[in-house]
Full PDB file with SEQRES, HELIX, SHEET, SSBOND, CRYST1, ORIGX, SCALE, CONECT and MASTER records, all heavy atoms in Angstrom:
SEQRES   1 A   34  LEU ALA GLY ALA MET GLN ILE LEU LEU GLY LEU VAL LYS          
SEQRES   2 A   34  ALA GLY THR ILE ALA ASN TYR PHE PRO SER ALA VAL ILE          
SEQRES   3 A   34  GLU GLY MET LEU ALA ALA ILE GLY                              
HELIX    1 AA1 ALA A    2  LEU A   11  1                                  10    
HELIX    2 AA2 ALA A   14  TYR A   20  5                                   7    
HELIX    3 AA3 SER A   23  ILE A   33  1                                  11    
CRYST1    1.000    1.000    1.000  90.00  90.00  90.00 P 1           1          
ORIGX1      1.000000  0.000000  0.000000        0.00000                         
ORIGX2      0.000000  1.000000  0.000000        0.00000                         
ORIGX3      0.000000  0.000000  1.000000        0.00000                         
SCALE1      1.000000  0.000000  0.000000        0.00000                         
SCALE2      0.000000  1.000000  0.000000        0.00000                         
SCALE3      0.000000  0.000000  1.000000        0.00000                         
ATOM      1  N   LEU A   1       0.826  -1.215   0.000  1.00  0.00           N  
ATOM      2  CA  LEU A   1       0.000   0.000   0.000  1.00  0.00           C  
ATOM      3  C   LEU A   1       0.859   1.264   0.000  1.00  0.00           C  
ATOM      4  O   LEU A   1       0.517   2.263  -0.641  1.00  0.00           O  
ATOM      5  CB  LEU A   1      -0.928  -0.007   1.220  1.00  0.00           C  
ATOM      6  CG  LEU A   1      -2.019  -1.088   1.232  1.00  0.00           C  
ATOM      7  CD1 LEU A   1      -2.742  -1.100   2.572  1.00  0.00           C  
ATOM      8  CD2 LEU A   1      -3.007  -0.872   0.089  1.00  0.00           C  
ATOM      9  N   ALA A   2       1.993   1.223   0.726  1.00  0.00           N  
ATOM     10  CA  ALA A   2       2.910   2.370   0.742  1.00  0.00           C  
ATOM     11  C   ALA A   2       3.436   2.642  -0.659  1.00  0.00           C  
ATOM     12  O   ALA A   2       3.552   3.806  -1.086  1.00  0.00           O  
ATOM     13  CB  ALA A   2       4.061   2.111   1.708  1.00  0.00           C  
ATOM     14  N   GLY A   3       3.741   1.577  -1.394  1.00  0.00           N  
ATOM     15  CA  GLY A   3       4.204   1.736  -2.767  1.00  0.00           C  
ATOM     16  C   GLY A   3       3.150   2.385  -3.648  1.00  0.00           C  
ATOM     17  O   GLY A   3       3.442   3.271  -4.459  1.00  0.00           O  
ATOM     18  N   ALA A   4       1.892   1.967  -3.472  1.00  0.00           N  
ATOM     19  CA  ALA A   4       0.798   2.569  -4.240  1.00  0.00           C  
ATOM     20  C   ALA A   4       0.656   4.052  -3.907  1.00  0.00           C  
ATOM     21  O   ALA A   4       0.402   4.883  -4.795  1.00  0.00           O  
ATOM     22  CB  ALA A   4      -0.503   1.822  -3.945  1.00  0.00           C  
ATOM     23  N   MET A   5       0.830   4.396  -2.626  1.00  0.00           N  
ATOM     24  CA  MET A   5       0.762   5.811  -2.214  1.00  0.00           C  
ATOM     25  C   MET A   5       1.891   6.626  -2.846  1.00  0.00           C  
ATOM     26  O   MET A   5       1.689   7.775  -3.256  1.00  0.00           O  
ATOM     27  CB  MET A   5       0.832   5.916  -0.689  1.00  0.00           C  
ATOM     28  CG  MET A   5      -0.378   5.377   0.036  1.00  0.00           C  
ATOM     29  SD  MET A   5      -0.156   5.440   1.844  1.00  0.00           S  
ATOM     30  CE  MET A   5      -1.645   4.595   2.392  1.00  0.00           C  
ATOM     31  N   GLN A   6       3.080   6.031  -2.940  1.00  0.00           N  
ATOM     32  CA  GLN A   6       4.205   6.742  -3.555  1.00  0.00           C  
ATOM     33  C   GLN A   6       3.958   6.994  -5.036  1.00  0.00           C  
ATOM     34  O   GLN A   6       4.318   8.053  -5.560  1.00  0.00           O  
ATOM     35  CB  GLN A   6       5.493   5.931  -3.367  1.00  0.00           C  
ATOM     36  CG  GLN A   6       6.055   5.989  -1.956  1.00  0.00           C  
ATOM     37  CD  GLN A   6       7.384   5.275  -1.856  1.00  0.00           C  
ATOM     38  OE1 GLN A   6       7.456   4.043  -1.939  1.00  0.00           O  
ATOM     39  NE2 GLN A   6       8.449   6.036  -1.688  1.00  0.00           N  
ATOM     40  N   ILE A   7       3.357   6.013  -5.707  1.00  0.00           N  
ATOM     41  CA  ILE A   7       3.016   6.212  -7.120  1.00  0.00           C  
ATOM     42  C   ILE A   7       2.057   7.388  -7.256  1.00  0.00           C  
ATOM     43  O   ILE A   7       2.209   8.246  -8.138  1.00  0.00           O  
ATOM     44  CB  ILE A   7       2.394   4.926  -7.706  1.00  0.00           C  
ATOM     45  CG1 ILE A   7       3.445   3.805  -7.767  1.00  0.00           C  
ATOM     46  CG2 ILE A   7       1.833   5.186  -9.101  1.00  0.00           C  
ATOM     47  CD1 ILE A   7       2.894   2.459  -8.200  1.00  0.00           C  
ATOM     48  N   LEU A   8       1.073   7.445  -6.364  1.00  0.00           N  
ATOM     49  CA  LEU A   8       0.114   8.554  -6.376  1.00  0.00           C  
ATOM     50  C   LEU A   8       0.817   9.888  -6.125  1.00  0.00           C  
ATOM     51  O   LEU A   8       0.525  10.891  -6.795  1.00  0.00           O  
ATOM     52  CB  LEU A   8      -0.967   8.316  -5.320  1.00  0.00           C  
ATOM     53  CG  LEU A   8      -2.094   9.358  -5.245  1.00  0.00           C  
ATOM     54  CD1 LEU A   8      -2.852   9.416  -6.566  1.00  0.00           C  
ATOM     55  CD2 LEU A   8      -3.044   9.034  -4.100  1.00  0.00           C  
ATOM     56  N   LEU A   9       1.771   9.909  -5.180  1.00  0.00           N  
ATOM     57  CA  LEU A   9       2.527  11.136  -4.904  1.00  0.00           C  
ATOM     58  C   LEU A   9       3.291  11.596  -6.144  1.00  0.00           C  
ATOM     59  O   LEU A   9       3.374  12.799  -6.428  1.00  0.00           O  
ATOM     60  CB  LEU A   9       3.500  10.909  -3.737  1.00  0.00           C  
ATOM     61  CG  LEU A   9       2.889  10.792  -2.343  1.00  0.00           C  
ATOM     62  CD1 LEU A   9       3.951  10.382  -1.327  1.00  0.00           C  
ATOM     63  CD2 LEU A   9       2.258  12.118  -1.919  1.00  0.00           C  
ATOM     64  N   GLY A  10       3.846  10.649  -6.867  1.00  0.00           N  
ATOM     65  CA  GLY A  10       4.567  10.994  -8.089  1.00  0.00           C  
ATOM     66  C   GLY A  10       3.637  11.543  -9.152  1.00  0.00           C  
ATOM     67  O   GLY A  10       3.983  12.503  -9.860  1.00  0.00           O  
ATOM     68  N   LEU A  11       2.443  10.959  -9.266  1.00  0.00           N  
ATOM     69  CA  LEU A  11       1.484  11.402 -10.278  1.00  0.00           C  
ATOM     70  C   LEU A  11       0.957  12.806  -9.995  1.00  0.00           C  
ATOM     71  O   LEU A  11       0.629  13.556 -10.926  1.00  0.00           O  
ATOM     72  CB  LEU A  11       0.320  10.410 -10.368  1.00  0.00           C  
ATOM     73  CG  LEU A  11       0.668   9.018 -10.929  1.00  0.00           C  
ATOM     74  CD1 LEU A  11      -0.528   8.092 -10.844  1.00  0.00           C  
ATOM     75  CD2 LEU A  11       1.169   9.117 -12.367  1.00  0.00           C  
ATOM     76  N   VAL A  12       0.863  13.180  -8.709  1.00  0.00           N  
ATOM     77  CA  VAL A  12       0.380  14.532  -8.373  1.00  0.00           C  
ATOM     78  C   VAL A  12       1.535  15.527  -8.242  1.00  0.00           C  
ATOM     79  O   VAL A  12       1.365  16.628  -7.733  1.00  0.00           O  
ATOM     80  CB  VAL A  12      -0.457  14.512  -7.076  1.00  0.00           C  
ATOM     81  CG1 VAL A  12      -1.668  13.615  -7.228  1.00  0.00           C  
ATOM     82  CG2 VAL A  12       0.367  14.082  -5.857  1.00  0.00           C  
ATOM     83  N   LYS A  13       2.731  15.117  -8.700  1.00  0.00           N  
ATOM     84  CA  LYS A  13       3.909  16.008  -8.762  1.00  0.00           C  
ATOM     85  C   LYS A  13       4.405  16.447  -7.394  1.00  0.00           C  
ATOM     86  O   LYS A  13       4.880  17.581  -7.222  1.00  0.00           O  
ATOM     87  CB  LYS A  13       3.611  17.254  -9.614  1.00  0.00           C  
ATOM     88  CG  LYS A  13       2.946  16.969 -10.950  1.00  0.00           C  
ATOM     89  CD  LYS A  13       3.824  16.166 -11.869  1.00  0.00           C  
ATOM     90  CE  LYS A  13       3.170  15.979 -13.235  1.00  0.00           C  
ATOM     91  NZ  LYS A  13       3.953  15.084 -14.117  1.00  0.00           N  
ATOM     92  N   ALA A  14       4.338  15.566  -6.411  1.00  0.00           N  
ATOM     93  CA  ALA A  14       4.802  15.919  -5.064  1.00  0.00           C  
ATOM     94  C   ALA A  14       6.326  15.948  -4.962  1.00  0.00           C  
ATOM     95  O   ALA A  14       6.867  16.422  -3.971  1.00  0.00           O  
ATOM     96  CB  ALA A  14       4.236  14.936  -4.032  1.00  0.00           C  
ATOM     97  N   GLY A  15       7.012  15.453  -5.982  1.00  0.00           N  
ATOM     98  CA  GLY A  15       8.476  15.408  -5.943  1.00  0.00           C  
ATOM     99  C   GLY A  15       9.138  16.765  -5.973  1.00  0.00           C  
ATOM    100  O   GLY A  15      10.331  16.882  -5.680  1.00  0.00           O  
ATOM    101  N   THR A  16       8.392  17.810  -6.314  1.00  0.00           N  
ATOM    102  CA  THR A  16       8.989  19.153  -6.374  1.00  0.00           C  
ATOM    103  C   THR A  16       9.439  19.661  -5.009  1.00  0.00           C  
ATOM    104  O   THR A  16      10.168  20.646  -4.937  1.00  0.00           O  
ATOM    105  CB  THR A  16       7.984  20.161  -6.969  1.00  0.00           C  
ATOM    106  OG1 THR A  16       6.760  20.072  -6.228  1.00  0.00           O  
ATOM    107  CG2 THR A  16       7.704  19.856  -8.429  1.00  0.00           C  
ATOM    108  N   ILE A  17       9.011  18.991  -3.933  1.00  0.00           N  
ATOM    109  CA  ILE A  17       9.449  19.413  -2.601  1.00  0.00           C  
ATOM    110  C   ILE A  17      10.967  19.356  -2.476  1.00  0.00           C  
ATOM    111  O   ILE A  17      11.571  20.072  -1.671  1.00  0.00           O  
ATOM    112  CB  ILE A  17       8.784  18.545  -1.511  1.00  0.00           C  
ATOM    113  CG1 ILE A  17       9.007  19.149  -0.122  1.00  0.00           C  
ATOM    114  CG2 ILE A  17       9.312  17.113  -1.559  1.00  0.00           C  
ATOM    115  CD1 ILE A  17       8.277  18.410   0.986  1.00  0.00           C  
ATOM    116  N   ALA A  18      11.602  18.516  -3.296  1.00  0.00           N  
ATOM    117  CA  ALA A  18      13.067  18.381  -3.244  1.00  0.00           C  
ATOM    118  C   ALA A  18      13.769  19.693  -3.590  1.00  0.00           C  
ATOM    119  O   ALA A  18      14.906  19.926  -3.175  1.00  0.00           O  
ATOM    120  CB  ALA A  18      13.529  17.285  -4.197  1.00  0.00           C  
ATOM    121  N   ASN A  19      13.095  20.564  -4.352  1.00  0.00           N  
ATOM    122  CA  ASN A  19      13.720  21.823  -4.757  1.00  0.00           C  
ATOM    123  C   ASN A  19      13.849  22.816  -3.613  1.00  0.00           C  
ATOM    124  O   ASN A  19      14.479  23.862  -3.764  1.00  0.00           O  
ATOM    125  CB  ASN A  19      12.902  22.463  -5.882  1.00  0.00           C  
ATOM    126  CG  ASN A  19      12.868  21.601  -7.126  1.00  0.00           C  
ATOM    127  OD1 ASN A  19      13.843  20.936  -7.444  1.00  0.00           O  
ATOM    128  ND2 ASN A  19      11.748  21.601  -7.819  1.00  0.00           N  
ATOM    129  N   TYR A  20      13.240  22.510  -2.465  1.00  0.00           N  
ATOM    130  CA  TYR A  20      13.235  23.460  -1.352  1.00  0.00           C  
ATOM    131  C   TYR A  20      14.230  23.097  -0.255  1.00  0.00           C  
ATOM    132  O   TYR A  20      14.218  23.702   0.799  1.00  0.00           O  
ATOM    133  CB  TYR A  20      11.816  23.565  -0.776  1.00  0.00           C  
ATOM    134  CG  TYR A  20      10.835  24.103  -1.780  1.00  0.00           C  
ATOM    135  CD1 TYR A  20      10.028  23.251  -2.509  1.00  0.00           C  
ATOM    136  CD2 TYR A  20      10.730  25.467  -2.018  1.00  0.00           C  
ATOM    137  CE1 TYR A  20       9.136  23.730  -3.454  1.00  0.00           C  
ATOM    138  CE2 TYR A  20       9.837  25.965  -2.963  1.00  0.00           C  
ATOM    139  CZ  TYR A  20       9.044  25.087  -3.671  1.00  0.00           C  
ATOM    140  OH  TYR A  20       8.168  25.565  -4.600  1.00  0.00           O  
ATOM    141  N   PHE A  21      15.098  22.113  -0.505  1.00  0.00           N  
ATOM    142  CA  PHE A  21      16.132  21.772   0.470  1.00  0.00           C  
ATOM    143  C   PHE A  21      17.341  22.681   0.248  1.00  0.00           C  
ATOM    144  O   PHE A  21      17.916  22.686  -0.838  1.00  0.00           O  
ATOM    145  CB  PHE A  21      16.575  20.309   0.325  1.00  0.00           C  
ATOM    146  CG  PHE A  21      15.492  19.315   0.658  1.00  0.00           C  
ATOM    147  CD1 PHE A  21      15.089  18.374  -0.272  1.00  0.00           C  
ATOM    148  CD2 PHE A  21      14.896  19.315   1.902  1.00  0.00           C  
ATOM    149  CE1 PHE A  21      14.093  17.455   0.025  1.00  0.00           C  
ATOM    150  CE2 PHE A  21      13.901  18.404   2.210  1.00  0.00           C  
ATOM    151  CZ  PHE A  21      13.497  17.469   1.272  1.00  0.00           C  
ATOM    152  N   PRO A  22      17.761  23.469   1.258  1.00  0.00           N  
ATOM    153  CA  PRO A  22      18.934  24.340   1.088  1.00  0.00           C  
ATOM    154  C   PRO A  22      20.194  23.540   0.776  1.00  0.00           C  
ATOM    155  O   PRO A  22      20.394  22.430   1.298  1.00  0.00           O  
ATOM    156  CB  PRO A  22      19.052  25.029   2.461  1.00  0.00           C  
ATOM    157  CG  PRO A  22      17.697  24.929   3.063  1.00  0.00           C  
ATOM    158  CD  PRO A  22      17.124  23.632   2.575  1.00  0.00           C  
ATOM    159  N   SER A  23      21.041  24.104  -0.048  1.00  0.00           N  
ATOM    160  CA  SER A  23      22.269  23.429  -0.473  1.00  0.00           C  
ATOM    161  C   SER A  23      23.165  23.068   0.709  1.00  0.00           C  
ATOM    162  O   SER A  23      23.741  21.987   0.759  1.00  0.00           O  
ATOM    163  CB  SER A  23      23.033  24.333  -1.449  1.00  0.00           C  
ATOM    164  OG  SER A  23      24.255  23.762  -1.799  1.00  0.00           O  
ATOM    165  N   ALA A  24      23.283  23.982   1.683  1.00  0.00           N  
ATOM    166  CA  ALA A  24      24.167  23.729   2.837  1.00  0.00           C  
ATOM    167  C   ALA A  24      23.686  22.527   3.641  1.00  0.00           C  
ATOM    168  O   ALA A  24      24.494  21.775   4.190  1.00  0.00           O  
ATOM    169  CB  ALA A  24      24.217  24.972   3.731  1.00  0.00           C  
ATOM    170  N   VAL A  25      22.374  22.332   3.697  1.00  0.00           N  
ATOM    171  CA  VAL A  25      21.819  21.196   4.447  1.00  0.00           C  
ATOM    172  C   VAL A  25      22.132  19.884   3.727  1.00  0.00           C  
ATOM    173  O   VAL A  25      22.484  18.883   4.362  1.00  0.00           O  
ATOM    174  CB  VAL A  25      20.296  21.374   4.637  1.00  0.00           C  
ATOM    175  CG1 VAL A  25      19.680  20.135   5.273  1.00  0.00           C  
ATOM    176  CG2 VAL A  25      20.020  22.607   5.491  1.00  0.00           C  
ATOM    177  N   ILE A  26      22.005  19.883   2.399  1.00  0.00           N  
ATOM    178  CA  ILE A  26      22.324  18.671   1.635  1.00  0.00           C  
ATOM    179  C   ILE A  26      23.801  18.321   1.777  1.00  0.00           C  
ATOM    180  O   ILE A  26      24.172  17.158   1.969  1.00  0.00           O  
ATOM    181  CB  ILE A  26      21.967  18.871   0.144  1.00  0.00           C  
ATOM    182  CG1 ILE A  26      20.468  19.141  -0.010  1.00  0.00           C  
ATOM    183  CG2 ILE A  26      22.365  17.640  -0.659  1.00  0.00           C  
ATOM    184  CD1 ILE A  26      19.575  18.040   0.488  1.00  0.00           C  
ATOM    185  N   GLU A  27      24.674  19.348   1.687  1.00  0.00           N  
ATOM    186  CA  GLU A  27      26.110  19.111   1.868  1.00  0.00           C  
ATOM    187  C   GLU A  27      26.390  18.561   3.269  1.00  0.00           C  
ATOM    188  O   GLU A  27      27.210  17.660   3.455  1.00  0.00           O  
ATOM    189  CB  GLU A  27      26.890  20.413   1.648  1.00  0.00           C  
ATOM    190  CG  GLU A  27      26.806  20.980   0.243  1.00  0.00           C  
ATOM    191  CD  GLU A  27      27.730  20.269  -0.732  1.00  0.00           C  
ATOM    192  OE1 GLU A  27      28.295  19.219  -0.359  1.00  0.00           O  
ATOM    193  OE2 GLU A  27      27.862  20.754  -1.861  1.00  0.00           O  
ATOM    194  N   GLY A  28      25.694  19.117   4.281  1.00  0.00           N  
ATOM    195  CA  GLY A  28      25.869  18.634   5.643  1.00  0.00           C  
ATOM    196  C   GLY A  28      25.399  17.203   5.809  1.00  0.00           C  
ATOM    197  O   GLY A  28      26.026  16.406   6.515  1.00  0.00           O  
ATOM    198  N   MET A  29      24.298  16.852   5.156  1.00  0.00           N  
ATOM    199  CA  MET A  29      23.802  15.480   5.218  1.00  0.00           C  
ATOM    200  C   MET A  29      24.819  14.506   4.627  1.00  0.00           C  
ATOM    201  O   MET A  29      25.097  13.445   5.197  1.00  0.00           O  
ATOM    202  CB  MET A  29      22.486  15.367   4.456  1.00  0.00           C  
ATOM    203  CG  MET A  29      21.858  13.981   4.503  1.00  0.00           C  
ATOM    204  SD  MET A  29      20.488  13.796   3.346  1.00  0.00           S  
ATOM    205  CE  MET A  29      21.372  13.629   1.794  1.00  0.00           C  
ATOM    206  N   LEU A  30      25.395  14.873   3.478  1.00  0.00           N  
ATOM    207  CA  LEU A  30      26.406  14.019   2.850  1.00  0.00           C  
ATOM    208  C   LEU A  30      27.620  13.827   3.758  1.00  0.00           C  
ATOM    209  O   LEU A  30      28.130  12.711   3.929  1.00  0.00           O  
ATOM    210  CB  LEU A  30      26.849  14.619   1.513  1.00  0.00           C  
ATOM    211  CG  LEU A  30      25.874  14.463   0.346  1.00  0.00           C  
ATOM    212  CD1 LEU A  30      26.307  15.334  -0.819  1.00  0.00           C  
ATOM    213  CD2 LEU A  30      25.809  13.002  -0.082  1.00  0.00           C  
ATOM    214  N   ALA A  31      28.097  14.938   4.331  1.00  0.00           N  
ATOM    215  CA  ALA A  31      29.256  14.855   5.219  1.00  0.00           C  
ATOM    216  C   ALA A  31      28.940  14.015   6.451  1.00  0.00           C  
ATOM    217  O   ALA A  31      29.770  13.219   6.916  1.00  0.00           O  
ATOM    218  CB  ALA A  31      29.707  16.254   5.639  1.00  0.00           C  
ATOM    219  N   ALA A  32      27.735  14.163   7.000  1.00  0.00           N  
ATOM    220  CA  ALA A  32      27.329  13.381   8.171  1.00  0.00           C  
ATOM    221  C   ALA A  32      27.283  11.903   7.842  1.00  0.00           C  
ATOM    222  O   ALA A  32      27.727  11.057   8.640  1.00  0.00           O  
ATOM    223  CB  ALA A  32      25.960  13.850   8.668  1.00  0.00           C  
ATOM    224  N   ILE A  33      26.746  11.557   6.660  1.00  0.00           N  
ATOM    225  CA  ILE A  33      26.717  10.152   6.236  1.00  0.00           C  
ATOM    226  C   ILE A  33      28.144   9.606   6.147  1.00  0.00           C  
ATOM    227  O   ILE A  33      28.426   8.469   6.548  1.00  0.00           O  
ATOM    228  CB  ILE A  33      26.009  10.015   4.880  1.00  0.00           C  
ATOM    229  CG1 ILE A  33      24.521  10.329   5.023  1.00  0.00           C  
ATOM    230  CG2 ILE A  33      26.200   8.623   4.304  1.00  0.00           C  
ATOM    231  CD1 ILE A  33      23.737   9.327   5.838  1.00  0.00           C  
ATOM    232  N   GLY A  34      29.063  10.433   5.636  1.00  0.00           N  
ATOM    233  CA  GLY A  34      30.464  10.007   5.553  1.00  0.00           C  
ATOM    234  C   GLY A  34      31.070   9.740   6.921  1.00  0.00           C  
ATOM    235  O   GLY A  34      31.749   8.727   7.138  1.00  0.00           O  
TER     236      GLY A  34                                                      
MASTER        0    0    0    3    0    0    0    6  235    1    0    3          
END                                                                             
């Protein structure tokens, strides 16, 4: 069911939320994972 919900999220264009992550936070996440 979670997979079906994700397909629905993709169809309603919910993926654009990724554009609102600040660059410094993404860089920090990568460094933290390292």
